[in-house]
C-alpha cells in the first residue's frame, strides 16, 4: 500500500452543502448535469426504533481524476480543500485505513485503478 493515495469521506458528518460538487465543477469546467463528485441523499426515513435518518454521501464519479493536476502541484483535490465540514481527507491508503478504524460511517476511494 505504500505511496498509494485515496480519498476518505466521513459521511456521518457531511452536511449536504454541495460545495464539493461546485468546487469540482469549477476546477474541471464541467457542463451542466456532469459531475466529478456528486452528493447523494439517503432519507429522510424513520427507523423501527423511532430515530430519523438523513445521510449525505459525496460519491466520486468516473469523471473524477482526484484532481491529478492539483495534486501534482502539491495541493489538495478541490473537493477536499473546499469541504466546509472537514469530512474529506486525501492521504496515503495506509493513513486513511487507520483513520477509518475510528470512523465506522466512512468510505475510502482508492485513486489507483
PDB file of N, CA and C in Angstrom:
ATOM      1  N   UNK A   1       0.797  -1.201   0.000  1.00  0.00           N
ATOM      2  CA  UNK A   1       0.000   0.000   0.000  1.00  0.00           C
ATOM      3  C   UNK A   1       0.842   1.269   0.000  1.00  0.00           C
ATOM      4  N   UNK A   2       2.135   1.173   0.079  1.00  0.00           N
ATOM      5  CA  UNK A   2       2.982   2.360   0.159  1.00  0.00           C
ATOM      6  C   UNK A   2       2.794   3.266  -1.049  1.00  0.00           C
ATOM      7  N   UNK A   3       2.686   4.550  -0.784  1.00  0.00           N
ATOM      8  CA  UNK A   3       2.590   5.599  -1.791  1.00  0.00           C
ATOM      9  C   UNK A   3       1.326   5.541  -2.645  1.00  0.00           C
ATOM     10  N   UNK A   4       0.379   4.701  -2.290  1.00  0.00           N
ATOM     11  CA  UNK A   4      -0.910   4.739  -2.974  1.00  0.00           C
ATOM     12  C   UNK A   4      -1.809   5.673  -2.192  1.00  0.00           C
ATOM     13  N   UNK A   5      -2.511   6.536  -2.902  1.00  0.00           N
ATOM     14  CA  UNK A   5      -3.334   7.548  -2.256  1.00  0.00           C
ATOM     15  C   UNK A   5      -4.816   7.279  -2.451  1.00  0.00           C
ATOM     16  N   UNK A   6      -5.591   7.881  -1.577  1.00  0.00           N
ATOM     17  CA  UNK A   6      -7.025   7.727  -1.667  1.00  0.00           C
ATOM     18  C   UNK A   6      -7.744   8.915  -1.055  1.00  0.00           C
ATOM     19  N   UNK A   7      -9.054   8.861  -1.172  1.00  0.00           N
ATOM     20  CA  UNK A   7      -9.929   9.888  -0.647  1.00  0.00           C
ATOM     21  C   UNK A   7     -10.807   9.265   0.426  1.00  0.00           C
ATOM     22  N   UNK A   8     -10.745   9.791   1.628  1.00  0.00           N
ATOM     23  CA  UNK A   8     -11.543   9.350   2.771  1.00  0.00           C
ATOM     24  C   UNK A   8     -12.707  10.314   2.923  1.00  0.00           C
ATOM     25  N   UNK A   9     -13.906   9.768   3.106  1.00  0.00           N
ATOM     26  CA  UNK A   9     -15.077  10.607   3.353  1.00  0.00           C
ATOM     27  C   UNK A   9     -15.806  10.070   4.576  1.00  0.00           C
ATOM     28  N   UNK A  10     -15.898  10.893   5.608  1.00  0.00           N
ATOM     29  CA  UNK A  10     -16.623  10.551   6.819  1.00  0.00           C
ATOM     30  C   UNK A  10     -18.049  11.067   6.638  1.00  0.00           C
ATOM     31  N   UNK A  11     -18.932  10.218   6.123  1.00  0.00           N
ATOM     32  CA  UNK A  11     -20.260  10.703   5.782  1.00  0.00           C
ATOM     33  C   UNK A  11     -21.176  10.883   6.985  1.00  0.00           C
ATOM     34  N   UNK A  12     -20.736  10.500   8.159  1.00  0.00           N
ATOM     35  CA  UNK A  12     -21.543  10.726   9.355  1.00  0.00           C
ATOM     36  C   UNK A  12     -21.748  12.225   9.601  1.00  0.00           C
ATOM     37  N   UNK A  13     -20.777  13.034   9.217  1.00  0.00           N
ATOM     38  CA  UNK A  13     -20.838  14.465   9.499  1.00  0.00           C
ATOM     39  C   UNK A  13     -21.009  15.344   8.267  1.00  0.00           C
ATOM     40  N   UNK A  14     -21.211  14.755   7.102  1.00  0.00           N
ATOM     41  CA  UNK A  14     -21.451  15.552   5.899  1.00  0.00           C
ATOM     42  C   UNK A  14     -22.781  16.276   6.051  1.00  0.00           C
ATOM     43  N   UNK A  15     -22.789  17.576   5.785  1.00  0.00           N
ATOM     44  CA  UNK A  15     -23.993  18.394   5.958  1.00  0.00           C
ATOM     45  C   UNK A  15     -24.805  18.535   4.673  1.00  0.00           C
ATOM     46  N   UNK A  16     -24.294  18.033   3.569  1.00  0.00           N
ATOM     47  CA  UNK A  16     -25.021  18.118   2.311  1.00  0.00           C
ATOM     48  C   UNK A  16     -24.986  19.489   1.672  1.00  0.00           C
ATOM     49  N   UNK A  17     -23.920  20.233   1.865  1.00  0.00           N
ATOM     50  CA  UNK A  17     -23.842  21.619   1.384  1.00  0.00           C
ATOM     51  C   UNK A  17     -23.569  21.731  -0.120  1.00  0.00           C
ATOM     52  N   UNK A  18     -23.114  20.672  -0.766  1.00  0.00           N
ATOM     53  CA  UNK A  18     -22.820  20.630  -2.209  1.00  0.00           C
ATOM     54  C   UNK A  18     -21.565  21.399  -2.612  1.00  0.00           C
ATOM     55  N   UNK A  19     -20.788  21.898  -1.661  1.00  0.00           N
ATOM     56  CA  UNK A  19     -19.579  22.654  -2.010  1.00  0.00           C
ATOM     57  C   UNK A  19     -18.586  21.775  -2.775  1.00  0.00           C
ATOM     58  N   UNK A  20     -18.508  20.488  -2.425  1.00  0.00           N
ATOM     59  CA  UNK A  20     -17.594  19.587  -3.144  1.00  0.00           C
ATOM     60  C   UNK A  20     -17.974  19.503  -4.625  1.00  0.00           C
ATOM     61  N   UNK A  21     -19.274  19.425  -4.906  1.00  0.00           N
ATOM     62  CA  UNK A  21     -19.746  19.374  -6.300  1.00  0.00           C
ATOM     63  C   UNK A  21     -19.368  20.647  -7.053  1.00  0.00           C
ATOM     64  N   UNK A  22     -19.643  21.770  -6.421  1.00  0.00           N
ATOM     65  CA  UNK A  22     -19.385  23.063  -7.059  1.00  0.00           C
ATOM     66  C   UNK A  22     -17.894  23.254  -7.307  1.00  0.00           C
ATOM     67  N   UNK A  23     -17.070  22.945  -6.310  1.00  0.00           N
ATOM     68  CA  UNK A  23     -15.619  23.103  -6.459  1.00  0.00           C
ATOM     69  C   UNK A  23     -15.095  22.235  -7.597  1.00  0.00           C
ATOM     70  N   UNK A  24     -15.574  21.011  -7.666  1.00  0.00           N
ATOM     71  CA  UNK A  24     -15.141  20.091  -8.725  1.00  0.00           C
ATOM     72  C   UNK A  24     -15.560  20.605 -10.106  1.00  0.00           C
ATOM     73  N   UNK A  25     -16.813  21.027 -10.209  1.00  0.00           N
ATOM     74  CA  UNK A  25     -17.309  21.532 -11.496  1.00  0.00           C
ATOM     75  C   UNK A  25     -16.492  22.725 -11.970  1.00  0.00           C
ATOM     76  N   UNK A  26     -16.110  23.600 -11.030  1.00  0.00           N
ATOM     77  CA  UNK A  26     -15.333  24.795 -11.389  1.00  0.00           C
ATOM     78  C   UNK A  26     -13.925  24.404 -11.858  1.00  0.00           C
ATOM     79  N   UNK A  27     -13.266  23.537 -11.109  1.00  0.00           N
ATOM     80  CA  UNK A  27     -11.892  23.145 -11.442  1.00  0.00           C
ATOM     81  C   UNK A  27     -11.826  22.437 -12.794  1.00  0.00           C
ATOM     82  N   UNK A  28     -12.807  21.592 -13.063  1.00  0.00           N
ATOM     83  CA  UNK A  28     -12.787  20.797 -14.294  1.00  0.00           C
ATOM     84  C   UNK A  28     -13.664  21.368 -15.407  1.00  0.00           C
ATOM     85  N   UNK A  29     -14.277  22.518 -15.151  1.00  0.00           N
ATOM     86  CA  UNK A  29     -15.126  23.189 -16.136  1.00  0.00           C
ATOM     87  C   UNK A  29     -16.148  22.207 -16.734  1.00  0.00           C
ATOM     88  N   UNK A  30     -16.849  21.508 -15.856  1.00  0.00           N
ATOM     89  CA  UNK A  30     -17.828  20.511 -16.297  1.00  0.00           C
ATOM     90  C   UNK A  30     -19.154  21.174 -16.668  1.00  0.00           C
ATOM     91  N   UNK A  31     -19.781  20.706 -17.740  1.00  0.00           N
ATOM     92  CA  UNK A  31     -21.063  21.286 -18.152  1.00  0.00           C
ATOM     93  C   UNK A  31     -22.198  20.889 -17.209  1.00  0.00           C
ATOM     94  N   UNK A  32     -23.322  21.562 -17.349  1.00  0.00           N
ATOM     95  CA  UNK A  32     -24.497  21.285 -16.527  1.00  0.00           C
ATOM     96  C   UNK A  32     -24.857  19.803 -16.610  1.00  0.00           C
ATOM     97  N   UNK A  33     -25.154  19.219 -15.457  1.00  0.00           N
ATOM     98  CA  UNK A  33     -25.554  17.814 -15.403  1.00  0.00           C
ATOM     99  C   UNK A  33     -24.410  16.827 -15.337  1.00  0.00           C
ATOM    100  N   UNK A  34     -23.171  17.315 -15.384  1.00  0.00           N
ATOM    101  CA  UNK A  34     -21.989  16.452 -15.314  1.00  0.00           C
ATOM    102  C   UNK A  34     -21.253  16.731 -14.016  1.00  0.00           C
ATOM    103  N   UNK A  35     -20.777  15.686 -13.371  1.00  0.00           N
ATOM    104  CA  UNK A  35     -20.148  15.823 -12.063  1.00  0.00           C
ATOM    105  C   UNK A  35     -18.907  14.947 -11.952  1.00  0.00           C
ATOM    106  N   UNK A  36     -17.898  15.454 -11.274  1.00  0.00           N
ATOM    107  CA  UNK A  36     -16.744  14.648 -10.898  1.00  0.00           C
ATOM    108  C   UNK A  36     -16.993  13.995  -9.553  1.00  0.00           C
ATOM    109  N   UNK A  37     -17.734  14.702  -8.719  1.00  0.00           N
ATOM    110  CA  UNK A  37     -18.212  14.166  -7.447  1.00  0.00           C
ATOM    111  C   UNK A  37     -19.664  14.628  -7.326  1.00  0.00           C
ATOM    112  N   UNK A  38     -20.511  13.720  -6.897  1.00  0.00           N
ATOM    113  CA  UNK A  38     -21.932  14.039  -6.790  1.00  0.00           C
ATOM    114  C   UNK A  38     -22.409  13.717  -5.374  1.00  0.00           C
ATOM    115  N   UNK A  39     -23.252  14.569  -4.847  1.00  0.00           N
ATOM    116  CA  UNK A  39     -23.762  14.377  -3.497  1.00  0.00           C
ATOM    117  C   UNK A  39     -25.072  13.589  -3.566  1.00  0.00           C
ATOM    118  N   UNK A  40     -25.064  12.408  -2.984  1.00  0.00           N
ATOM    119  CA  UNK A  40     -26.265  11.572  -2.929  1.00  0.00           C
ATOM    120  C   UNK A  40     -26.915  11.732  -1.563  1.00  0.00           C
ATOM    121  N   UNK A  41     -28.242  11.643  -1.558  1.00  0.00           N
ATOM    122  CA  UNK A  41     -29.002  11.808  -0.316  1.00  0.00           C
ATOM    123  C   UNK A  41     -29.782  10.534  -0.035  1.00  0.00           C
ATOM    124  N   UNK A  42     -29.663  10.030   1.182  1.00  0.00           N
ATOM    125  CA  UNK A  42     -30.401   8.849   1.615  1.00  0.00           C
ATOM    126  C   UNK A  42     -31.311   9.248   2.766  1.00  0.00           C
ATOM    127  N   UNK A  43     -32.608   9.206   2.536  1.00  0.00           N
ATOM    128  CA  UNK A  43     -33.581   9.574   3.556  1.00  0.00           C
ATOM    129  C   UNK A  43     -34.273  10.855   3.178  1.00  0.00           C
ATOM    130  N   UNK A  44     -35.002  11.471   4.084  1.00  0.00           N
ATOM    131  CA  UNK A  44     -35.166  11.052   5.479  1.00  0.00           C
ATOM    132  C   UNK A  44     -36.137   9.869   5.596  1.00  0.00           C
ATOM    133  N   UNK A  45     -35.864   9.070   6.592  1.00  0.00           N
ATOM    134  CA  UNK A  45     -36.745   7.957   6.905  1.00  0.00           C
ATOM    135  C   UNK A  45     -36.645   7.662   8.395  1.00  0.00           C
ATOM    136  N   UNK A  46     -37.746   7.129   8.929  1.00  0.00           N
ATOM    137  CA  UNK A  46     -37.778   6.793  10.340  1.00  0.00           C
ATOM    138  C   UNK A  46     -37.528   5.296  10.497  1.00  0.00           C
ATOM    139  N   UNK A  47     -36.551   4.953  11.314  1.00  0.00           N
ATOM    140  CA  UNK A  47     -36.229   3.554  11.581  1.00  0.00           C
ATOM    141  C   UNK A  47     -37.255   2.950  12.533  1.00  0.00           C
ATOM    142  N   UNK A  48     -37.238   1.635  12.665  1.00  0.00           N
ATOM    143  CA  UNK A  48     -38.191   0.959  13.540  1.00  0.00           C
ATOM    144  C   UNK A  48     -38.002   1.333  15.008  1.00  0.00           C
ATOM    145  N   UNK A  49     -36.806   1.866  15.344  1.00  0.00           N
ATOM    146  CA  UNK A  49     -36.568   2.301  16.728  1.00  0.00           C
ATOM    147  C   UNK A  49     -37.026   3.741  16.969  1.00  0.00           C
ATOM    148  N   UNK A  50     -37.626   4.360  15.958  1.00  0.00           N
ATOM    149  CA  UNK A  50     -38.170   5.710  16.096  1.00  0.00           C
ATOM    150  C   UNK A  50     -37.228   6.829  15.704  1.00  0.00           C
ATOM    151  N   UNK A  51     -35.954   6.518  15.471  1.00  0.00           N
ATOM    152  CA  UNK A  51     -34.988   7.552  15.089  1.00  0.00           C
ATOM    153  C   UNK A  51     -35.124   7.877  13.605  1.00  0.00           C
ATOM    154  N   UNK A  52     -34.926   9.151  13.317  1.00  0.00           N
ATOM    155  CA  UNK A  52     -34.935   9.592  11.922  1.00  0.00           C
ATOM    156  C   UNK A  52     -33.510   9.599  11.394  1.00  0.00           C
ATOM    157  N   UNK A  53     -33.353   9.245  10.132  1.00  0.00           N
ATOM    158  CA  UNK A  53     -32.044   9.260   9.475  1.00  0.00           C
ATOM    159  C   UNK A  53     -32.110  10.063   8.191  1.00  0.00           C
ATOM    160  N   UNK A  54     -31.087  10.862   7.991  1.00  0.00           N
ATOM    161  CA  UNK A  54     -30.859  11.561   6.733  1.00  0.00           C
ATOM    162  C   UNK A  54     -29.353  11.568   6.537  1.00  0.00           C
ATOM    163  N   UNK A  55     -28.892  10.904   5.516  1.00  0.00           N
ATOM    164  CA  UNK A  55     -27.457  10.771   5.289  1.00  0.00           C
ATOM    165  C   UNK A  55     -27.098  11.354   3.931  1.00  0.00           C
ATOM    166  N   UNK A  56     -26.026  12.131   3.906  1.00  0.00           N
ATOM    167  CA  UNK A  56     -25.470  12.665   2.662  1.00  0.00           C
ATOM    168  C   UNK A  56     -24.168  11.934   2.391  1.00  0.00           C
ATOM    169  N   UNK A  57     -23.959  11.545   1.141  1.00  0.00           N
ATOM    170  CA  UNK A  57     -22.745  10.840   0.793  1.00  0.00           C
ATOM    171  C   UNK A  57     -22.191  11.366  -0.531  1.00  0.00           C
ATOM    172  N   UNK A  58     -21.087  12.106  -0.475  1.00  0.00           N
ATOM    173  CA  UNK A  58     -20.429  12.525  -1.710  1.00  0.00           C
ATOM    174  C   UNK A  58     -19.770  11.316  -2.375  1.00  0.00           C
ATOM    175  N   UNK A  59     -20.056  11.114  -3.649  1.00  0.00           N
ATOM    176  CA  UNK A  59     -19.505   9.972  -4.389  1.00  0.00           C
ATOM    177  C   UNK A  59     -18.721  10.438  -5.605  1.00  0.00           C
ATOM    178  N   UNK A  60     -17.438  10.080  -5.698  1.00  0.00           N
ATOM    179  CA  UNK A  60     -16.695  10.376  -6.922  1.00  0.00           C
ATOM    180  C   UNK A  60     -17.302   9.594  -8.090  1.00  0.00           C
ATOM    181  N   UNK A  61     -17.400  10.242  -9.243  1.00  0.00           N
ATOM    182  CA  UNK A  61     -17.912   9.590 -10.443  1.00  0.00           C
ATOM    183  C   UNK A  61     -16.736   9.186 -11.332  1.00  0.00           C
ATOM    184  N   UNK A  62     -17.041   8.640 -12.503  1.00  0.00           N
ATOM    185  CA  UNK A  62     -15.981   8.265 -13.444  1.00  0.00           C
ATOM    186  C   UNK A  62     -15.255   9.483 -14.007  1.00  0.00           C
ATOM    187  N   UNK A  63     -15.837  10.673 -13.853  1.00  0.00           N
ATOM    188  CA  UNK A  63     -15.168  11.892 -14.312  1.00  0.00           C
ATOM    189  C   UNK A  63     -14.154  12.417 -13.298  1.00  0.00           C
ATOM    190  N   UNK A  64     -14.171  11.855 -12.094  1.00  0.00           N
ATOM    191  CA  UNK A  64     -13.239  12.281 -11.051  1.00  0.00           C
ATOM    192  C   UNK A  64     -11.840  11.738 -11.342  1.00  0.00           C
ATOM    193  N   UNK A  65     -10.873  12.628 -11.370  1.00  0.00           N
ATOM    194  CA  UNK A  65      -9.470  12.210 -11.507  1.00  0.00           C
ATOM    195  C   UNK A  65      -8.695  12.539 -10.232  1.00  0.00           C
ATOM    196  N   UNK A  66      -9.445  12.779  -9.143  1.00  0.00           N
ATOM    197  CA  UNK A  66      -8.870  13.140  -7.843  1.00  0.00           C
ATOM    198  C   UNK A  66      -7.955  14.358  -7.978  1.00  0.00           C
ATOM    199  N   UNK A  67      -8.340  15.239  -8.900  1.00  0.00           N
ATOM    200  CA  UNK A  67      -7.612  16.492  -9.161  1.00  0.00           C
ATOM    201  C   UNK A  67      -6.118  16.224  -9.364  1.00  0.00           C
ATOM    202  N   UNK A  68      -5.841  15.341 -10.268  1.00  0.00           N
ATOM    203  CA  UNK A  68      -4.469  14.910 -10.541  1.00  0.00           C
ATOM    204  C   UNK A  68      -3.503  16.080 -10.737  1.00  0.00           C
ATOM    205  N   UNK A  69      -3.904  17.086 -11.494  1.00  0.00           N
ATOM    206  CA  UNK A  69      -3.020  18.231 -11.742  1.00  0.00           C
ATOM    207  C   UNK A  69      -2.772  19.032 -10.467  1.00  0.00           C
ATOM    208  N   UNK A  70      -3.811  19.257  -9.671  1.00  0.00           N
ATOM    209  CA  UNK A  70      -3.653  19.978  -8.402  1.00  0.00           C
ATOM    210  C   UNK A  70      -2.719  19.217  -7.471  1.00  0.00           C
ATOM    211  N   UNK A  71      -2.915  17.896  -7.396  1.00  0.00           N
ATOM    212  CA  UNK A  71      -2.108  17.065  -6.502  1.00  0.00           C
ATOM    213  C   UNK A  71      -0.640  17.076  -6.943  1.00  0.00           C
ATOM    214  N   UNK A  72      -0.396  17.058  -8.261  1.00  0.00           N
ATOM    215  CA  UNK A  72       0.984  17.130  -8.769  1.00  0.00           C
ATOM    216  C   UNK A  72       1.668  18.420  -8.333  1.00  0.00           C
ATOM    217  N   UNK A  73       0.870  19.477  -8.161  1.00  0.00           N
ATOM    218  CA  UNK A  73       1.389  20.773  -7.712  1.00  0.00           C
ATOM    219  C   UNK A  73       1.540  20.847  -6.195  1.00  0.00           C
ATOM    220  N   UNK A  74       1.174  19.768  -5.503  1.00  0.00           N
ATOM    221  CA  UNK A  74       1.277  19.754  -4.051  1.00  0.00           C
ATOM    222  C   UNK A  74       0.041  20.279  -3.341  1.00  0.00           C
ATOM    223  N   UNK A  75      -1.043  20.452  -4.087  1.00  0.00           N
ATOM    224  CA  UNK A  75      -2.282  20.943  -3.494  1.00  0.00           C
ATOM    225  C   UNK A  75      -3.255  19.779  -3.283  1.00  0.00           C
ATOM    226  N   UNK A  76      -4.254  20.027  -2.490  1.00  0.00           N
ATOM    227  CA  UNK A  76      -5.281  19.020  -2.237  1.00  0.00           C
ATOM    228  C   UNK A  76      -6.286  18.987  -3.385  1.00  0.00           C
ATOM    229  N   UNK A  77      -6.967  17.848  -3.559  1.00  0.00           N
ATOM    230  CA  UNK A  77      -8.086  17.843  -4.505  1.00  0.00           C
ATOM    231  C   UNK A  77      -9.071  18.942  -4.116  1.00  0.00           C
ATOM    232  N   UNK A  78      -9.714  19.527  -5.095  1.00  0.00           N
ATOM    233  CA  UNK A  78     -10.591  20.667  -4.868  1.00  0.00           C
ATOM    234  C   UNK A  78     -11.718  20.359  -3.878  1.00  0.00           C
ATOM    235  N   UNK A  79     -12.309  19.171  -3.956  1.00  0.00           N
ATOM    236  CA  UNK A  79     -13.402  18.832  -3.035  1.00  0.00           C
ATOM    237  C   UNK A  79     -12.910  18.803  -1.589  1.00  0.00           C
ATOM    238  N   UNK A  80     -11.716  18.287  -1.376  1.00  0.00           N
ATOM    239  CA  UNK A  80     -11.142  18.213  -0.033  1.00  0.00           C
ATOM    240  C   UNK A  80     -10.820  19.617   0.471  1.00  0.00           C
ATOM    241  N   UNK A  81     -10.204  20.408  -0.372  1.00  0.00           N
ATOM    242  CA  UNK A  81      -9.811  21.774   0.004  1.00  0.00           C
ATOM    243  C   UNK A  81     -11.013  22.623   0.413  1.00  0.00           C
ATOM    244  N   UNK A  82     -12.126  22.464  -0.285  1.00  0.00           N
ATOM    245  CA  UNK A  82     -13.280  23.334  -0.063  1.00  0.00           C
ATOM    246  C   UNK A  82     -14.336  22.756   0.873  1.00  0.00           C
ATOM    247  N   UNK A  83     -14.189  21.517   1.315  1.00  0.00           N
ATOM    248  CA  UNK A  83     -15.195  20.892   2.178  1.00  0.00           C
ATOM    249  C   UNK A  83     -15.361  21.690   3.469  1.00  0.00           C
ATOM    250  N   UNK A  84     -16.541  22.265   3.660  1.00  0.00           N
ATOM    251  CA  UNK A  84     -16.789  23.128   4.818  1.00  0.00           C
ATOM    252  C   UNK A  84     -16.907  22.348   6.122  1.00  0.00           C
ATOM    253  N   UNK A  85     -17.280  21.076   6.034  1.00  0.00           N
ATOM    254  CA  UNK A  85     -17.431  20.256   7.240  1.00  0.00           C
ATOM    255  C   UNK A  85     -16.157  19.509   7.607  1.00  0.00           C
ATOM    256  N   UNK A  86     -15.170  19.554   6.739  1.00  0.00           N
ATOM    257  CA  UNK A  86     -13.905  18.864   7.002  1.00  0.00           C
ATOM    258  C   UNK A  86     -14.043  17.354   7.049  1.00  0.00           C
ATOM    259  N   UNK A  87     -14.969  16.807   6.267  1.00  0.00           N
ATOM    260  CA  UNK A  87     -15.207  15.362   6.305  1.00  0.00           C
ATOM    261  C   UNK A  87     -14.401  14.596   5.262  1.00  0.00           C
ATOM    262  N   UNK A  88     -13.635  15.310   4.443  1.00  0.00           N
ATOM    263  CA  UNK A  88     -12.835  14.667   3.393  1.00  0.00           C
ATOM    264  C   UNK A  88     -11.353  14.806   3.700  1.00  0.00           C
ATOM    265  N   UNK A  89     -10.623  13.707   3.475  1.00  0.00           N
ATOM    266  CA  UNK A  89      -9.172  13.697   3.680  1.00  0.00           C
ATOM    267  C   UNK A  89      -8.538  13.000   2.484  1.00  0.00           C
ATOM    268  N   UNK A  90      -7.474  13.582   1.952  1.00  0.00           N
ATOM    269  CA  UNK A  90      -6.695  12.960   0.885  1.00  0.00           C
ATOM    270  C   UNK A  90      -5.339  12.606   1.474  1.00  0.00           C
ATOM    271  N   UNK A  91      -4.991  11.322   1.445  1.00  0.00           N
ATOM    272  CA  UNK A  91      -3.740  10.884   2.066  1.00  0.00           C
ATOM    273  C   UNK A  91      -3.404   9.490   1.536  1.00  0.00           C
ATOM    274  N   UNK A  92      -2.366   8.895   2.117  1.00  0.00           N
ATOM    275  CA  UNK A  92      -1.998   7.535   1.709  1.00  0.00           C
ATOM    276  C   UNK A  92      -3.083   6.566   2.187  1.00  0.00           C
ATOM    277  N   UNK A  93      -3.237   5.471   1.465  1.00  0.00           N
ATOM    278  CA  UNK A  93      -4.230   4.471   1.844  1.00  0.00           C
ATOM    279  C   UNK A  93      -3.948   3.917   3.234  1.00  0.00           C
ATOM    280  N   UNK A  94      -2.690   3.797   3.559  1.00  0.00           N
ATOM    281  CA  UNK A  94      -2.312   3.303   4.884  1.00  0.00           C
ATOM    282  C   UNK A  94      -2.820   4.243   5.986  1.00  0.00           C
ATOM    283  N   UNK A  95      -2.620   5.534   5.807  1.00  0.00           N
ATOM    284  CA  UNK A  95      -3.098   6.512   6.791  1.00  0.00           C
ATOM    285  C   UNK A  95      -4.621   6.553   6.849  1.00  0.00           C
ATOM    286  N   UNK A  96      -5.250   6.456   5.682  1.00  0.00           N
ATOM    287  CA  UNK A  96      -6.709   6.506   5.640  1.00  0.00           C
ATOM    288  C   UNK A  96      -7.336   5.276   6.292  1.00  0.00           C
ATOM    289  N   UNK A  97      -6.700   4.119   6.131  1.00  0.00           N
ATOM    290  CA  UNK A  97      -7.208   2.894   6.763  1.00  0.00           C
ATOM    291  C   UNK A  97      -7.206   3.044   8.280  1.00  0.00           C
ATOM    292  N   UNK A  98      -6.158   3.653   8.821  1.00  0.00           N
ATOM    293  CA  UNK A  98      -6.098   3.891  10.274  1.00  0.00           C
ATOM    294  C   UNK A  98      -7.175   4.884  10.703  1.00  0.00           C
ATOM    295  N   UNK A  99      -7.382   5.905   9.904  1.00  0.00           N
ATOM    296  CA  UNK A  99      -8.405   6.904  10.201  1.00  0.00           C
ATOM    297  C   UNK A  99      -9.799   6.266  10.180  1.00  0.00           C
ATOM    298  N   UNK A 100     -10.038   5.395   9.244  1.00  0.00           N
ATOM    299  CA  UNK A 100     -11.348   4.746   9.110  1.00  0.00           C
ATOM    300  C   UNK A 100     -11.676   3.845  10.298  1.00  0.00           C
ATOM    301  N   UNK A 101     -10.660   3.340  10.976  1.00  0.00           N
ATOM    302  CA  UNK A 101     -10.899   2.496  12.147  1.00  0.00           C
ATOM    303  C   UNK A 101     -11.711   3.219  13.214  1.00  0.00           C
ATOM    304  N   UNK A 102     -11.519   4.531  13.325  1.00  0.00           N
ATOM    305  CA  UNK A 102     -12.219   5.331  14.321  1.00  0.00           C
ATOM    306  C   UNK A 102     -13.512   5.954  13.790  1.00  0.00           C
ATOM    307  N   UNK A 103     -13.801   5.733  12.499  1.00  0.00           N
ATOM    308  CA  UNK A 103     -14.980   6.344  11.883  1.00  0.00           C
ATOM    309  C   UNK A 103     -15.729   5.291  11.061  1.00  0.00           C
ATOM    310  N   UNK A 104     -16.605   4.523  11.714  1.00  0.00           N
ATOM    311  CA  UNK A 104     -17.277   3.424  11.014  1.00  0.00           C
ATOM    312  C   UNK A 104     -18.223   3.869   9.896  1.00  0.00           C
ATOM    313  N   UNK A 105     -18.713   5.089   9.939  1.00  0.00           N
ATOM    314  CA  UNK A 105     -19.593   5.587   8.873  1.00  0.00           C
ATOM    315  C   UNK A 105     -18.759   6.408   7.883  1.00  0.00           C
ATOM    316  N   UNK A 106     -17.831   5.740   7.257  1.00  0.00           N
ATOM    317  CA  UNK A 106     -16.933   6.397   6.322  1.00  0.00           C
ATOM    318  C   UNK A 106     -16.613   5.452   5.171  1.00  0.00           C
ATOM    319  N   UNK A 107     -16.053   6.025   4.103  1.00  0.00           N
ATOM    320  CA  UNK A 107     -15.615   5.247   2.951  1.00  0.00           C
ATOM    321  C   UNK A 107     -14.258   5.750   2.499  1.00  0.00           C
ATOM    322  N   UNK A 108     -13.516   4.876   1.832  1.00  0.00           N
ATOM    323  CA  UNK A 108     -12.225   5.242   1.248  1.00  0.00           C
ATOM    324  C   UNK A 108     -12.271   4.889  -0.230  1.00  0.00           C
ATOM    325  N   UNK A 109     -11.914   5.841  -1.062  1.00  0.00           N
ATOM    326  CA  UNK A 109     -11.831   5.622  -2.505  1.00  0.00           C
ATOM    327  C   UNK A 109     -10.359   5.600  -2.881  1.00  0.00           C
ATOM    328  N   UNK A 110      -9.930   4.540  -3.526  1.00  0.00           N
ATOM    329  CA  UNK A 110      -8.558   4.386  -3.981  1.00  0.00           C
ATOM    330  C   UNK A 110      -8.390   5.194  -5.266  1.00  0.00           C
ATOM    331  N   UNK A 111      -7.344   5.995  -5.344  1.00  0.00           N
ATOM    332  CA  UNK A 111      -7.129   6.812  -6.547  1.00  0.00           C
ATOM    333  C   UNK A 111      -6.507   5.989  -7.675  1.00  0.00           C
ATOM    334  N   UNK A 112      -6.027   4.800  -7.386  1.00  0.00           N
ATOM    335  CA  UNK A 112      -5.441   3.927  -8.403  1.00  0.00           C
ATOM    336  C   UNK A 112      -6.514   3.027  -8.977  1.00  0.00           C
ATOM    337  N   UNK A 113      -6.492   2.823 -10.285  1.00  0.00           N
ATOM    338  CA  UNK A 113      -7.465   1.901 -10.908  1.00  0.00           C
ATOM    339  C   UNK A 113      -6.843   0.565 -11.138  1.00  0.00           C
TER     340      UNK A 113
END
